[in-house]
Amino acid sequence: MAQEFVNRKIQPGKVVVFIKPTCPYCQETQEILRQLPFKPGFLEFVDITATNNTSEIQDYLQQLTGARTVPRVFIGKDCIGGCSDLIKMQKNGELMTRLRQIGALQ
């Protein structure tokens, strides 16, 4: 169930972030990404606490990405990591490059 849920969310050409709303790193990640000019439907925040499978989702994210923590940021099918990884990509210009490559920006 958790595996199907996560795999349905992760799609080529889309940015998906698995979050917990009370997590400060998730909040910072959301702030960073919400400032960017995404095309409608190309950015999704998935609150894993809104499901009955929070722990199972985190277990599967660990299998998939090597980390159980949130946020887990996916650009297309690739997990770029968490908040600190996103910030590093933003600072070195790689974030915008990757988002343009998948056609996510207006």
N, C-alpha and C. Protein backbone atom coordinates (compact mmCIF):
# COMPACT_ATOMS: atom_id res chain seq x y z
N MET A 1 0.83 -1.21 0.00
CA MET A 1 0.00 0.00 0.00
C MET A 1 0.86 1.26 0.00
N ALA A 2 1.82 1.35 0.92
CA ALA A 2 2.69 2.53 0.99
C ALA A 2 3.53 2.65 -0.27
N GLN A 3 4.02 1.51 -0.75
CA GLN A 3 4.84 1.52 -1.96
C GLN A 3 4.03 2.01 -3.15
N GLU A 4 2.81 1.54 -3.31
CA GLU A 4 1.94 1.99 -4.39
C GLU A 4 1.66 3.48 -4.28
N PHE A 5 1.37 3.94 -3.06
CA PHE A 5 1.08 5.35 -2.82
C PHE A 5 2.24 6.23 -3.25
N VAL A 6 3.44 5.90 -2.80
CA VAL A 6 4.63 6.70 -3.14
C VAL A 6 4.90 6.64 -4.64
N ASN A 7 4.87 5.45 -5.20
CA ASN A 7 5.18 5.30 -6.63
C ASN A 7 4.18 6.03 -7.52
N ARG A 8 2.92 6.12 -7.10
CA ARG A 8 1.91 6.87 -7.86
C ARG A 8 2.21 8.36 -7.85
N LYS A 9 2.76 8.85 -6.75
CA LYS A 9 3.04 10.28 -6.62
C LYS A 9 4.26 10.71 -7.43
N ILE A 10 5.29 9.87 -7.47
CA ILE A 10 6.53 10.22 -8.15
C ILE A 10 6.34 10.03 -9.65
N GLN A 11 6.46 11.15 -10.39
CA GLN A 11 6.22 11.10 -11.83
C GLN A 11 7.28 11.89 -12.57
N PRO A 12 7.61 11.45 -13.79
CA PRO A 12 8.54 12.25 -14.60
C PRO A 12 7.93 13.63 -14.85
N GLY A 13 8.76 14.64 -14.86
CA GLY A 13 8.28 15.98 -15.17
C GLY A 13 7.57 16.70 -14.04
N LYS A 14 7.63 16.15 -12.84
CA LYS A 14 6.93 16.74 -11.71
C LYS A 14 7.86 16.77 -10.50
N VAL A 15 7.66 17.76 -9.64
CA VAL A 15 8.40 17.84 -8.37
C VAL A 15 7.43 17.43 -7.27
N VAL A 16 7.83 16.41 -6.51
CA VAL A 16 7.00 15.90 -5.41
C VAL A 16 7.84 15.92 -4.15
N VAL A 17 7.25 16.45 -3.08
CA VAL A 17 7.95 16.53 -1.80
C VAL A 17 7.08 15.86 -0.74
N PHE A 18 7.64 14.83 -0.12
CA PHE A 18 6.95 14.14 0.97
C PHE A 18 7.31 14.88 2.26
N ILE A 19 6.27 15.30 3.00
CA ILE A 19 6.46 16.17 4.15
C ILE A 19 5.64 15.71 5.36
N LYS A 20 6.01 16.29 6.50
CA LYS A 20 5.17 16.32 7.70
C LYS A 20 5.00 17.81 8.01
N PRO A 21 3.77 18.30 8.13
CA PRO A 21 3.54 19.75 8.27
C PRO A 21 4.23 20.40 9.46
N THR A 22 4.48 19.66 10.53
CA THR A 22 5.09 20.26 11.72
C THR A 22 6.61 20.27 11.66
N CYS A 23 7.19 19.65 10.66
CA CYS A 23 8.65 19.56 10.53
C CYS A 23 9.22 20.89 10.03
N PRO A 24 10.15 21.51 10.76
CA PRO A 24 10.69 22.80 10.31
C PRO A 24 11.46 22.70 8.99
N TYR A 25 12.10 21.58 8.73
CA TYR A 25 12.82 21.41 7.45
C TYR A 25 11.83 21.29 6.29
N CYS A 26 10.71 20.65 6.55
CA CYS A 26 9.66 20.56 5.54
C CYS A 26 9.08 21.94 5.25
N GLN A 27 8.88 22.72 6.30
CA GLN A 27 8.35 24.08 6.12
C GLN A 27 9.32 24.94 5.32
N GLU A 28 10.61 24.83 5.60
CA GLU A 28 11.61 25.60 4.85
C GLU A 28 11.65 25.17 3.39
N THR A 29 11.57 23.88 3.15
CA THR A 29 11.55 23.36 1.79
C THR A 29 10.34 23.90 1.03
N GLN A 30 9.19 23.90 1.68
CA GLN A 30 7.99 24.42 1.06
C GLN A 30 8.14 25.91 0.72
N GLU A 31 8.70 26.68 1.63
CA GLU A 31 8.90 28.12 1.39
C GLU A 31 9.80 28.34 0.17
N ILE A 32 10.89 27.60 0.09
CA ILE A 32 11.82 27.75 -1.04
C ILE A 32 11.12 27.43 -2.35
N LEU A 33 10.44 26.30 -2.40
CA LEU A 33 9.83 25.87 -3.66
C LEU A 33 8.62 26.72 -4.05
N ARG A 34 7.88 27.21 -3.08
CA ARG A 34 6.70 28.05 -3.39
C ARG A 34 7.09 29.39 -3.99
N GLN A 35 8.34 29.81 -3.83
CA GLN A 35 8.80 31.07 -4.40
C GLN A 35 9.15 30.95 -5.89
N LEU A 36 9.21 29.72 -6.39
CA LEU A 36 9.62 29.50 -7.78
C LEU A 36 8.40 29.48 -8.70
N PRO A 37 8.59 29.89 -9.96
CA PRO A 37 7.46 29.99 -10.90
C PRO A 37 7.08 28.65 -11.55
N PHE A 38 6.53 27.74 -10.76
CA PHE A 38 6.12 26.44 -11.29
C PHE A 38 4.88 26.59 -12.16
N LYS A 39 4.81 25.79 -13.20
CA LYS A 39 3.58 25.66 -13.97
C LYS A 39 2.56 24.96 -13.07
N PRO A 40 1.27 25.25 -13.25
CA PRO A 40 0.25 24.58 -12.44
C PRO A 40 0.37 23.06 -12.58
N GLY A 41 0.29 22.37 -11.45
CA GLY A 41 0.32 20.91 -11.44
C GLY A 41 1.70 20.27 -11.45
N PHE A 42 2.76 21.07 -11.47
CA PHE A 42 4.11 20.54 -11.55
C PHE A 42 4.81 20.44 -10.18
N LEU A 43 4.15 20.92 -9.13
CA LEU A 43 4.70 20.86 -7.78
C LEU A 43 3.63 20.31 -6.85
N GLU A 44 4.00 19.28 -6.09
CA GLU A 44 3.05 18.70 -5.14
C GLU A 44 3.75 18.41 -3.82
N PHE A 45 3.11 18.84 -2.74
CA PHE A 45 3.56 18.50 -1.40
C PHE A 45 2.63 17.42 -0.87
N VAL A 46 3.19 16.32 -0.43
CA VAL A 46 2.41 15.18 0.04
C VAL A 46 2.60 15.06 1.55
N ASP A 47 1.54 15.35 2.29
CA ASP A 47 1.56 15.26 3.74
C ASP A 47 1.37 13.79 4.13
N ILE A 48 2.46 13.15 4.54
CA ILE A 48 2.36 11.73 4.86
C ILE A 48 1.62 11.47 6.16
N THR A 49 1.42 12.50 6.99
CA THR A 49 0.67 12.31 8.23
C THR A 49 -0.84 12.29 7.96
N ALA A 50 -1.25 12.66 6.76
CA ALA A 50 -2.67 12.65 6.40
C ALA A 50 -3.11 11.25 5.97
N THR A 51 -2.20 10.29 5.99
CA THR A 51 -2.52 8.91 5.63
C THR A 51 -2.51 8.05 6.89
N ASN A 52 -2.97 6.84 6.76
CA ASN A 52 -2.90 5.89 7.87
C ASN A 52 -1.59 5.10 7.85
N ASN A 53 -0.72 5.44 6.91
CA ASN A 53 0.50 4.65 6.67
C ASN A 53 1.78 5.45 6.84
N THR A 54 1.81 6.42 7.73
CA THR A 54 2.98 7.28 7.86
C THR A 54 4.27 6.50 8.04
N SER A 55 4.28 5.59 8.96
CA SER A 55 5.49 4.82 9.24
C SER A 55 5.88 3.94 8.05
N GLU A 56 4.89 3.31 7.42
CA GLU A 56 5.17 2.45 6.26
C GLU A 56 5.70 3.28 5.09
N ILE A 57 5.17 4.48 4.91
CA ILE A 57 5.65 5.36 3.84
C ILE A 57 7.10 5.73 4.10
N GLN A 58 7.42 6.07 5.35
CA GLN A 58 8.81 6.40 5.68
C GLN A 58 9.72 5.19 5.50
N ASP A 59 9.25 4.00 5.84
CA ASP A 59 10.04 2.79 5.62
C ASP A 59 10.34 2.61 4.13
N TYR A 60 9.32 2.83 3.29
CA TYR A 60 9.52 2.66 1.85
C TYR A 60 10.44 3.77 1.30
N LEU A 61 10.28 4.99 1.80
CA LEU A 61 11.18 6.07 1.36
C LEU A 61 12.62 5.73 1.71
N GLN A 62 12.83 5.08 2.85
CA GLN A 62 14.18 4.67 3.22
C GLN A 62 14.72 3.64 2.24
N GLN A 63 13.89 2.67 1.87
CA GLN A 63 14.31 1.68 0.87
C GLN A 63 14.65 2.35 -0.45
N LEU A 64 13.84 3.32 -0.83
CA LEU A 64 13.95 3.97 -2.13
C LEU A 64 15.11 4.96 -2.18
N THR A 65 15.32 5.71 -1.08
CA THR A 65 16.26 6.83 -1.12
C THR A 65 17.43 6.71 -0.17
N GLY A 66 17.36 5.76 0.75
CA GLY A 66 18.43 5.63 1.74
C GLY A 66 18.20 6.45 2.99
N ALA A 67 17.10 7.21 3.04
CA ALA A 67 16.80 8.01 4.23
C ALA A 67 15.31 7.93 4.53
N ARG A 68 15.02 7.85 5.80
CA ARG A 68 13.63 7.73 6.25
C ARG A 68 13.04 9.10 6.61
N THR A 69 13.91 10.08 6.71
CA THR A 69 13.48 11.41 7.16
C THR A 69 12.75 12.16 6.06
N VAL A 70 11.97 13.15 6.48
CA VAL A 70 11.33 14.07 5.56
C VAL A 70 11.91 15.45 5.83
N PRO A 71 11.89 16.32 4.83
CA PRO A 71 11.31 16.10 3.51
C PRO A 71 12.17 15.20 2.63
N ARG A 72 11.53 14.55 1.71
CA ARG A 72 12.18 13.81 0.62
C ARG A 72 11.71 14.49 -0.65
N VAL A 73 12.65 15.09 -1.38
CA VAL A 73 12.34 15.88 -2.56
C VAL A 73 12.68 15.08 -3.81
N PHE A 74 11.68 14.92 -4.67
CA PHE A 74 11.87 14.23 -5.94
C PHE A 74 11.71 15.22 -7.09
N ILE A 75 12.68 15.24 -7.96
CA ILE A 75 12.56 15.98 -9.22
C ILE A 75 12.45 14.91 -10.28
N GLY A 76 11.24 14.78 -10.82
CA GLY A 76 10.98 13.64 -11.69
C GLY A 76 11.08 12.38 -10.85
N LYS A 77 11.76 11.38 -11.36
CA LYS A 77 11.90 10.10 -10.64
C LYS A 77 13.11 10.09 -9.71
N ASP A 78 13.91 11.18 -9.71
CA ASP A 78 15.14 11.23 -8.93
C ASP A 78 14.93 11.93 -7.60
N CYS A 79 15.33 11.27 -6.52
CA CYS A 79 15.32 11.91 -5.20
C CYS A 79 16.59 12.73 -5.06
N ILE A 80 16.43 14.02 -4.81
CA ILE A 80 17.61 14.88 -4.63
C ILE A 80 18.02 14.95 -3.16
N GLY A 81 17.18 14.42 -2.27
CA GLY A 81 17.50 14.43 -0.84
C GLY A 81 16.49 15.23 -0.06
N GLY A 82 16.98 15.97 0.93
CA GLY A 82 16.12 16.74 1.81
C GLY A 82 16.36 18.23 1.68
N CYS A 83 16.05 18.95 2.74
CA CYS A 83 16.11 20.41 2.74
C CYS A 83 17.52 20.93 2.47
N SER A 84 18.52 20.40 3.16
CA SER A 84 19.89 20.91 2.97
C SER A 84 20.38 20.65 1.54
N ASP A 85 19.96 19.52 0.96
CA ASP A 85 20.34 19.23 -0.43
C ASP A 85 19.67 20.22 -1.39
N LEU A 86 18.42 20.54 -1.11
CA LEU A 86 17.69 21.51 -1.94
C LEU A 86 18.36 22.88 -1.86
N ILE A 87 18.72 23.30 -0.66
CA ILE A 87 19.38 24.60 -0.48
C ILE A 87 20.70 24.64 -1.23
N LYS A 88 21.47 23.56 -1.14
CA LYS A 88 22.75 23.50 -1.85
C LYS A 88 22.53 23.60 -3.37
N MET A 89 21.53 22.89 -3.87
CA MET A 89 21.23 22.95 -5.31
C MET A 89 20.77 24.35 -5.72
N GLN A 90 20.00 24.99 -4.85
CA GLN A 90 19.52 26.34 -5.14
C GLN A 90 20.70 27.31 -5.22
N LYS A 91 21.63 27.20 -4.28
CA LYS A 91 22.77 28.12 -4.23
C LYS A 91 23.71 27.95 -5.41
N ASN A 92 23.90 26.71 -5.88
CA ASN A 92 24.84 26.52 -6.99
C ASN A 92 24.18 26.58 -8.37
N GLY A 93 22.87 26.86 -8.40
CA GLY A 93 22.16 27.03 -9.67
C GLY A 93 21.64 25.73 -10.27
N GLU A 94 21.96 24.61 -9.66
CA GLU A 94 21.55 23.31 -10.20
C GLU A 94 20.04 23.11 -10.12
N LEU A 95 19.40 23.67 -9.10
CA LEU A 95 17.96 23.49 -8.93
C LEU A 95 17.20 24.04 -10.13
N MET A 96 17.47 25.26 -10.50
CA MET A 96 16.76 25.87 -11.63
C MET A 96 17.06 25.11 -12.93
N THR A 97 18.29 24.67 -13.08
CA THR A 97 18.65 23.90 -14.28
C THR A 97 17.81 22.63 -14.35
N ARG A 98 17.74 21.90 -13.25
CA ARG A 98 16.97 20.64 -13.24
C ARG A 98 15.48 20.91 -13.47
N LEU A 99 14.95 21.97 -12.89
CA LEU A 99 13.53 22.27 -13.06
C LEU A 99 13.22 22.67 -14.50
N ARG A 100 14.14 23.38 -15.13
CA ARG A 100 13.95 23.72 -16.56
C ARG A 100 14.03 22.46 -17.42
N GLN A 101 14.93 21.55 -17.08
CA GLN A 101 15.09 20.32 -17.86
C GLN A 101 13.80 19.49 -17.89
N ILE A 102 13.07 19.47 -16.80
CA ILE A 102 11.83 18.69 -16.79
C ILE A 102 10.63 19.52 -17.21
N GLY A 103 10.83 20.79 -17.55
CA GLY A 103 9.73 21.63 -18.03
C GLY A 103 8.77 22.05 -16.96
N ALA A 104 9.21 22.17 -15.72
CA ALA A 104 8.31 22.46 -14.60
C ALA A 104 8.07 23.95 -14.38
N LEU A 105 8.88 24.80 -15.00
CA LEU A 105 8.78 26.24 -14.74
C LEU A 105 8.03 26.98 -15.84
N GLN A 106 7.41 28.07 -15.42
CA GLN A 106 6.67 28.91 -16.39
C GLN A 106 7.66 29.76 -17.17
